[in-house]
Structures are given as C-alpha cells and as structure tokens.
C-alpha cells in the first residue's frame, strides 16, 4: 500500500467503544469529524465487542458508530484492521462504512520507508491461554457456528467473555506484552524498520536493535483521570503523538 499523495496519516486503536462509555464515543466522534489527516488507519479494537454485522439492523449504538465512520470515510480514506475484540466485523460493516479492510500485518509505503502495521495481539506469545483462544475464535468453523446463533444469545456470550477478560486483568494473568523477538522477525520478513501496533495499552517506543523499532499506540478512555485520547500521526517529519484530551 502506497500513500504517494498523503501528507499526514493517522493511526488509532483500542478505543473499545461501547454505549456505557459516552465520553470516549464523544471524543472519538469529534476527532473523526475534524481530523486533518489524508488517511486514517484503525488498527483494531475500535469496539469493545462486535457480535456480527446484523447488529446494525437494530439502529442502536453500533449503527451510530457506523454513521460516524461513513461520514469520515467520505472525505478521508479509512482502513480497518481487526482486533481481538472486533474480529467479527465483516464485509457488511465494511461496506456500510465505506472502509477498506486491512490484512494483518500490512505494509505501508510512505516517505520512502516501509511501515509495518498490526493490531499486536498475535505477537503476545507468552500469553499462551489467549493464543489458544485466539486460534479457536479466528477459525472459520467457530465463526460460522457463532454467527448462526440468535443475536441475543451472541450478546450474552460476549458479555460473559468480557467479564472473564476483566477478571483476568484484575488478577494480572493477561499482562503479557509483545515478544520482542517475534516483532523483530516480523519486521525483517516485511523488510520494514518500524512496527506500529496497539493491543497492549502500553504506549511507548521500543528499540529492537539494528535500526528496528516498535511503536505502541495508546488506548482511549476519555472518562479516566487523566483522560486518554491519543492519535499517532505520521508525516514526512516522522511519528508524533497527538493528545486530544
């Protein structure tokens, strides 16, 4: 993918949008309506949960989110990569929002450099329980079986999974970070020098040696103290963190 005419590219991830957190939705909506970027890359976990594109038919919170994306995509090319919370976003949602799906990892050619984009969860190799779960739910068979269930049942299952996830966070069981060796190898295989990813909620820049680095996006929580709402912007001058709150 080559952004030959782009001057500014924005990256966001891990907003975990949900109806129960209106402050984050409002901060995101304001950003989407005003971003000066020439392209926007959403690198996973835009939503706290996504149980199937048919949720759009309810004209609820998810439908409002789709409208925001659609309005932005009408003026700014918008790309979407699946995260571990919204991996069931399908072609129906993509079409409704006029967004382009991104395979993982994805290579972006910009300013005579190759930038590697990922959500990041596939690189957390030390979290063996999650890696087993990820392999299961990313299979076509599991997804077909899940999506065949009634919407209400899927929402109940998702609610239970979120509660289990929160319990793991509190216990410290899911505190695994990206494996540096795996990140290095991914960069080498792609002939890229910088990996941009989310997932870990640990914004930082990590030196991987020999000119390689990984840059971690921030999660969003506009109701936190202090609030978190940050965009990573790439220009000819390099990467810059833009704090919106």
Protein backbone atom coordinates (compact mmCIF):
# COMPACT_ATOMS: atom_id res chain seq x y z
CA UNK A 1 0.00 0.00 0.00
CA UNK A 2 1.48 3.29 -1.06
CA UNK A 3 0.36 6.70 0.19
CA UNK A 4 2.03 8.67 -2.57
CA UNK A 5 -0.15 11.78 -2.24
CA UNK A 6 -0.71 11.62 1.52
CA UNK A 7 0.99 14.19 3.71
CA UNK A 8 -0.42 13.13 7.10
CA UNK A 9 -1.59 9.67 8.16
CA UNK A 10 -3.38 8.95 11.43
CA UNK A 11 -3.35 5.71 13.42
CA UNK A 12 -5.73 4.85 16.25
CA UNK A 13 -6.59 1.65 18.10
CA UNK A 14 -8.08 0.27 21.28
CA UNK A 15 -10.90 2.75 21.75
CA UNK A 16 -13.16 -0.11 22.94
CA UNK A 17 -16.25 1.90 22.05
CA UNK A 18 -19.37 0.91 23.96
CA UNK A 19 -22.67 2.56 24.78
CA UNK A 20 -21.89 2.62 28.51
CA UNK A 21 -18.91 4.97 27.97
CA UNK A 22 -20.32 8.03 26.17
CA UNK A 23 -17.32 10.28 26.91
CA UNK A 24 -15.00 8.15 24.79
CA UNK A 25 -17.56 7.96 22.00
CA UNK A 26 -17.95 11.74 22.00
CA UNK A 27 -14.17 12.31 21.96
CA UNK A 28 -13.83 9.87 19.06
CA UNK A 29 -16.77 11.37 17.16
CA UNK A 30 -15.27 14.87 17.50
CA UNK A 31 -11.90 13.62 16.27
CA UNK A 32 -13.45 11.80 13.31
CA UNK A 33 -15.30 14.92 12.25
CA UNK A 34 -12.26 17.19 12.40
CA UNK A 35 -9.12 15.15 11.66
CA UNK A 36 -6.88 16.91 9.13
CA UNK A 37 -5.26 13.62 8.10
CA UNK A 38 -5.15 12.46 4.49
CA UNK A 39 -5.74 8.84 5.56
CA UNK A 40 -6.89 7.05 8.71
CA UNK A 41 -5.85 3.58 9.85
CA UNK A 42 -7.88 1.91 12.61
CA UNK A 43 -5.65 -0.87 13.96
CA UNK A 44 -8.14 -2.99 15.88
CA UNK A 45 -10.38 -2.92 18.93
CA UNK A 46 -12.32 0.10 17.80
CA UNK A 47 -15.23 -1.63 19.53
CA UNK A 48 -15.35 -3.28 22.92
CA UNK A 49 -17.19 -6.15 21.27
CA UNK A 50 -18.69 -6.96 17.87
CA UNK A 51 -21.03 -9.95 17.63
CA UNK A 52 -21.92 -9.74 13.95
CA UNK A 53 -22.84 -7.19 11.31
CA UNK A 54 -26.55 -7.84 11.80
CA UNK A 55 -26.33 -5.74 14.98
CA UNK A 56 -26.52 -2.73 12.64
CA UNK A 57 -30.15 -3.55 11.93
CA UNK A 58 -31.05 -2.59 15.49
CA UNK A 59 -30.14 1.07 14.77
CA UNK A 60 -28.53 1.34 18.18
CA UNK A 61 -25.05 2.30 19.34
CA UNK A 62 -23.22 0.29 16.68
CA UNK A 63 -25.30 1.93 13.96
CA UNK A 64 -24.35 5.36 15.30
CA UNK A 65 -20.69 4.37 15.18
CA UNK A 66 -21.06 3.15 11.60
CA UNK A 67 -22.55 6.51 10.62
CA UNK A 68 -19.58 8.35 12.13
CA UNK A 69 -17.13 6.17 10.21
CA UNK A 70 -19.09 6.52 7.00
CA UNK A 71 -19.08 10.32 7.24
CA UNK A 72 -15.32 10.38 7.83
CA UNK A 73 -14.61 7.85 5.07
CA UNK A 74 -16.49 10.07 2.62
CA UNK A 75 -13.66 12.61 2.84
CA UNK A 76 -10.70 10.63 4.26
CA UNK A 77 -9.64 7.17 3.04
CA UNK A 78 -10.27 4.93 6.04
CA UNK A 79 -8.79 1.48 6.66
CA UNK A 80 -9.85 -1.09 9.26
CA UNK A 81 -7.83 -3.91 10.82
CA UNK A 82 -9.46 -6.45 13.11
CA UNK A 83 -8.54 -6.56 16.78
CA UNK A 84 -9.14 -9.21 19.41
CA UNK A 85 -12.45 -7.59 20.39
CA UNK A 86 -13.90 -6.81 16.95
CA UNK A 87 -12.56 -9.64 14.80
CA UNK A 88 -16.14 -10.42 13.68
CA UNK A 89 -16.54 -7.12 11.85
CA UNK A 90 -17.46 -8.35 8.38
CA UNK A 91 -17.96 -7.20 4.84
CA UNK A 92 -21.43 -5.83 5.66
CA UNK A 93 -19.99 -3.38 8.17
CA UNK A 94 -17.09 -2.50 5.89
CA UNK A 95 -19.44 -1.77 3.00
CA UNK A 96 -21.81 0.25 5.19
CA UNK A 97 -18.90 2.40 6.38
CA UNK A 98 -17.08 2.59 3.04
CA UNK A 99 -13.89 1.38 4.73
CA UNK A 100 -11.17 -0.84 3.29
CA UNK A 101 -10.21 -3.98 5.24
CA UNK A 102 -6.56 -4.42 6.19
CA UNK A 103 -4.91 -7.82 6.35
CA UNK A 104 -2.57 -8.35 9.30
CA UNK A 105 0.23 -7.47 9.13
CA UNK A 106 0.01 -4.74 6.50
CA UNK A 107 2.86 -2.82 4.89
CA UNK A 108 2.51 0.91 4.27
CA UNK A 109 4.95 2.62 1.90
CA UNK A 110 5.30 6.26 2.91
CA UNK A 111 8.09 8.81 2.60
CA UNK A 112 10.46 6.24 1.05
CA UNK A 113 10.07 3.90 4.03
CA UNK A 114 8.17 0.70 4.76
CA UNK A 115 5.99 0.82 7.88
CA UNK A 116 4.51 -2.38 9.26
CA UNK A 117 1.02 -2.24 10.79
CA UNK A 118 -0.50 -4.76 13.18
CA UNK A 119 -3.04 -4.94 15.97
CA UNK A 120 -0.40 -6.68 18.06
CA UNK A 121 -2.23 -9.48 19.85
CA UNK A 122 -0.72 -12.20 17.65
CA UNK A 123 2.72 -11.19 18.94
CA UNK A 124 1.91 -11.72 22.64
CA UNK A 125 3.30 -15.25 22.54
CA UNK A 126 3.82 -15.56 26.30
CA UNK A 127 0.07 -15.36 26.88
CA UNK A 128 -0.44 -18.99 25.94
CA UNK A 129 -4.06 -19.14 27.16
CA UNK A 130 -5.01 -16.23 24.93
CA UNK A 131 -3.09 -17.62 21.94
CA UNK A 132 -5.08 -20.85 22.24
CA UNK A 133 -8.33 -18.89 22.47
CA UNK A 134 -7.33 -16.72 19.52
CA UNK A 135 -6.65 -19.72 17.32
CA UNK A 136 -10.08 -21.11 18.18
CA UNK A 137 -12.18 -17.99 17.56
CA UNK A 138 -10.33 -16.98 14.40
CA UNK A 139 -11.20 -20.29 12.74
CA UNK A 140 -13.89 -20.20 10.04
CA UNK A 141 -15.74 -23.10 11.68
CA UNK A 142 -16.04 -21.36 15.07
CA UNK A 143 -17.14 -18.10 13.49
CA UNK A 144 -19.78 -19.77 11.32
CA UNK A 145 -21.19 -21.60 14.35
CA UNK A 146 -21.19 -18.46 16.49
CA UNK A 147 -22.77 -16.21 13.86
CA UNK A 148 -25.52 -18.78 13.29
CA UNK A 149 -26.75 -18.25 16.86
CA UNK A 150 -29.51 -15.71 17.57
CA UNK A 151 -28.26 -12.16 18.16
CA UNK A 152 -29.40 -12.09 21.79
CA UNK A 153 -27.51 -15.30 22.53
CA UNK A 154 -24.35 -13.93 20.91
CA UNK A 155 -24.63 -10.79 23.01
CA UNK A 156 -24.94 -12.90 26.18
CA UNK A 157 -21.86 -14.93 25.23
CA UNK A 158 -19.90 -11.75 24.52
CA UNK A 159 -20.95 -10.32 27.88
CA UNK A 160 -19.66 -13.43 29.65
CA UNK A 161 -16.36 -13.31 27.75
CA UNK A 162 -15.87 -9.64 28.70
CA UNK A 163 -16.45 -10.48 32.36
CA UNK A 164 -13.87 -13.25 32.15
CA UNK A 165 -11.44 -10.86 30.48
CA UNK A 166 -11.92 -8.25 33.21
CA UNK A 167 -11.32 -10.91 35.87
CA UNK A 168 -8.06 -11.89 34.15
CA UNK A 169 -6.95 -8.26 34.02
CA UNK A 170 -7.54 -7.78 37.73
CA UNK A 171 -5.61 -10.96 38.51
CA UNK A 172 -2.71 -9.90 36.29
CA UNK A 173 -2.96 -13.05 34.18
CA UNK A 174 -3.20 -11.23 30.85
CA UNK A 175 -0.36 -8.76 31.39
CA UNK A 176 1.80 -10.36 28.70
CA UNK A 177 3.49 -7.97 26.31
CA UNK A 178 4.61 -8.29 22.71
CA UNK A 179 7.51 -10.73 22.25
CA UNK A 180 10.48 -8.61 21.04
CA UNK A 181 11.93 -11.48 19.02
CA UNK A 182 8.63 -12.04 17.22
CA UNK A 183 8.33 -8.32 16.48
CA UNK A 184 11.89 -8.24 15.09
CA UNK A 185 11.27 -11.23 12.87
CA UNK A 186 8.02 -9.74 11.57
CA UNK A 187 9.87 -6.56 10.60
CA UNK A 188 12.69 -8.48 8.95
CA UNK A 189 10.26 -10.62 6.96
CA UNK A 190 8.49 -7.47 5.73
CA UNK A 191 11.72 -5.56 5.05
CA UNK A 192 10.40 -2.77 7.28
CA UNK A 193 12.06 -0.86 10.11
CA UNK A 194 9.10 0.33 12.23
CA UNK A 195 6.18 -1.69 13.56
CA UNK A 196 3.10 0.29 14.63
CA UNK A 197 0.61 -1.62 16.77
CA UNK A 198 -1.88 -1.43 19.60
CA UNK A 199 -3.48 -4.06 21.85
CA UNK A 200 -1.22 -3.84 24.91
CA UNK A 201 -2.44 -0.44 26.17
CA UNK A 202 1.22 0.39 26.93
CA UNK A 203 2.07 3.37 24.68
CA UNK A 204 5.81 3.60 24.15
CA UNK A 205 8.56 3.32 21.56
CA UNK A 206 10.79 0.25 21.88
CA UNK A 207 14.23 -0.04 20.30
CA UNK A 208 14.58 -3.53 18.82
CA UNK A 209 18.18 -3.02 17.72
CA UNK A 210 19.83 -2.62 14.32
CA UNK A 211 17.57 0.29 13.39
CA UNK A 212 14.35 -1.60 14.11
CA UNK A 213 11.66 -0.31 16.46
CA UNK A 214 8.07 -0.90 17.50
CA UNK A 215 5.73 1.95 18.35
CA UNK A 216 2.74 1.18 20.58
CA UNK A 217 -0.49 3.14 20.23
CA UNK A 218 -2.45 4.33 23.25
CA UNK A 219 -5.84 3.03 24.25
CA UNK A 220 -8.66 5.55 24.78
CA UNK A 221 -10.63 6.31 27.93
CA UNK A 222 -11.99 9.84 27.99
CA UNK A 223 -13.51 9.32 31.45
CA UNK A 224 -10.20 8.36 33.07
CA UNK A 225 -8.11 10.69 35.23
CA UNK A 226 -6.28 12.00 33.32
CA UNK A 227 -8.31 11.23 30.19
CA UNK A 228 -6.69 9.20 27.42
CA UNK A 229 -7.44 10.07 23.79
CA UNK A 230 -4.39 9.97 21.57
CA UNK A 231 -3.69 9.76 17.85
CA UNK A 232 -0.41 8.74 16.27
CA UNK A 233 0.26 10.94 13.24
CA UNK A 234 2.82 10.13 10.56
CA UNK A 235 4.20 12.92 8.35
CA UNK A 236 7.39 13.46 6.41
CA UNK A 237 8.87 14.57 9.73
CA UNK A 238 8.18 11.22 11.37
CA UNK A 239 5.75 9.97 14.00
CA UNK A 240 4.10 12.30 16.51
CA UNK A 241 1.68 11.55 19.34
CA UNK A 242 -1.30 13.91 19.24
CA UNK A 243 -3.10 14.16 22.58
CA UNK A 244 -6.75 15.08 22.12
CA UNK A 245 -7.59 15.19 25.83
